[in-house]
């Protein structure tokens, strides 16, 4: 149960000051434009969720679920990244 609760916020936690380009390079996300490469995760959150996201808000972007994992003074500071299950993981779980 605790594992499921922890996974709700993501498999990995990232500071919203990171560039989308750096994150995409680490996780193999193929970006479609130079504009995406120049954004920070904070800008991505603003674009996808608007001005007032709350803890637990989420969105899908490039086949990954992104979750607001930490807020300080009404500002998002950490974003959770939930990677999709691979076919191998699904096969192991079904066995």
Protein backbone atom coordinates (compact mmCIF):
# COMPACT_ATOMS: atom_id res chain seq x y z
CA UNK A 1 0.00 0.00 0.00
CA UNK A 2 2.79 2.47 0.88
CA UNK A 3 4.54 1.59 -2.39
CA UNK A 4 1.38 2.42 -4.35
CA UNK A 5 1.05 5.74 -2.52
CA UNK A 6 4.70 6.58 -3.21
CA UNK A 7 4.33 5.66 -6.89
CA UNK A 8 1.35 8.02 -7.18
CA UNK A 9 3.82 10.92 -7.05
CA UNK A 10 6.27 9.28 -9.45
CA UNK A 11 9.15 6.91 -9.95
CA UNK A 12 11.62 9.80 -9.95
CA UNK A 13 11.47 13.33 -8.55
CA UNK A 14 12.89 16.30 -10.40
CA UNK A 15 13.50 19.92 -9.47
CA UNK A 16 11.36 22.19 -11.66
CA UNK A 17 14.41 24.35 -12.40
CA UNK A 18 15.83 21.63 -14.64
CA UNK A 19 15.64 22.11 -18.37
CA UNK A 20 13.29 19.93 -20.38
CA UNK A 21 16.26 19.18 -22.68
CA UNK A 22 18.33 17.73 -19.82
CA UNK A 23 15.45 15.56 -18.65
CA UNK A 24 14.65 14.42 -22.18
CA UNK A 25 18.27 13.40 -22.74
CA UNK A 26 18.27 11.31 -19.54
CA UNK A 27 14.93 9.59 -20.16
CA UNK A 28 14.97 9.26 -23.94
CA UNK A 29 12.13 11.68 -24.60
CA UNK A 30 12.08 12.83 -28.22
CA UNK A 31 11.25 16.51 -28.31
CA UNK A 32 9.43 17.98 -31.27
CA UNK A 33 10.68 21.55 -31.28
CA UNK A 34 13.47 23.85 -30.19
CA UNK A 35 10.88 25.65 -28.03
CA UNK A 36 10.41 22.45 -25.98
CA UNK A 37 14.19 22.06 -25.57
CA UNK A 38 14.48 25.60 -24.20
CA UNK A 39 11.75 25.21 -21.54
CA UNK A 40 12.30 24.44 -17.88
CA UNK A 41 10.10 21.92 -16.09
CA UNK A 42 8.47 24.89 -14.31
CA UNK A 43 7.46 26.35 -17.67
CA UNK A 44 6.13 22.94 -18.72
CA UNK A 45 4.00 22.75 -15.56
CA UNK A 46 2.67 26.27 -16.19
CA UNK A 47 1.87 25.37 -19.80
CA UNK A 48 0.10 22.12 -18.93
CA UNK A 49 -1.60 22.95 -15.61
CA UNK A 50 -1.92 26.73 -15.52
CA UNK A 51 -1.10 29.17 -12.77
CA UNK A 52 -2.30 27.37 -9.63
CA UNK A 53 -1.49 23.65 -9.62
CA UNK A 54 -1.95 21.75 -6.37
CA UNK A 55 -0.16 18.75 -4.90
CA UNK A 56 -1.09 15.65 -6.87
CA UNK A 57 -2.16 17.43 -10.06
CA UNK A 58 -0.94 15.50 -13.08
CA UNK A 59 -0.72 15.60 -16.85
CA UNK A 60 0.43 13.37 -19.70
CA UNK A 61 3.26 14.64 -21.88
CA UNK A 62 5.30 12.56 -24.35
CA UNK A 63 3.73 9.31 -23.04
CA UNK A 64 4.88 10.04 -19.48
CA UNK A 65 2.72 11.01 -16.52
CA UNK A 66 4.02 14.06 -14.67
CA UNK A 67 2.76 14.72 -11.12
CA UNK A 68 3.12 17.77 -8.87
CA UNK A 69 5.08 16.14 -6.05
CA UNK A 70 6.06 19.08 -3.82
CA UNK A 71 4.87 22.64 -3.36
CA UNK A 72 6.48 25.41 -1.31
CA UNK A 73 4.79 28.76 -0.74
CA UNK A 74 2.15 27.92 -3.39
CA UNK A 75 4.83 27.19 -6.01
CA UNK A 76 5.69 23.82 -7.53
CA UNK A 77 9.24 22.82 -6.57
CA UNK A 78 9.32 19.09 -7.41
CA UNK A 79 7.75 17.16 -10.23
CA UNK A 80 7.27 13.41 -10.15
CA UNK A 81 7.89 11.44 -13.31
CA UNK A 82 5.91 8.20 -13.73
CA UNK A 83 7.48 6.06 -16.42
CA UNK A 84 5.16 3.78 -18.39
CA UNK A 85 5.40 0.07 -17.67
CA UNK A 86 7.43 -1.74 -20.27
CA UNK A 87 6.17 -4.81 -22.04
CA UNK A 88 8.71 -6.87 -20.07
CA UNK A 89 7.36 -5.62 -16.72
CA UNK A 90 3.81 -6.41 -17.83
CA UNK A 91 4.85 -9.92 -18.89
CA UNK A 92 6.56 -10.56 -15.53
CA UNK A 93 3.54 -9.30 -13.58
CA UNK A 94 1.16 -11.50 -15.58
CA UNK A 95 3.24 -14.66 -14.96
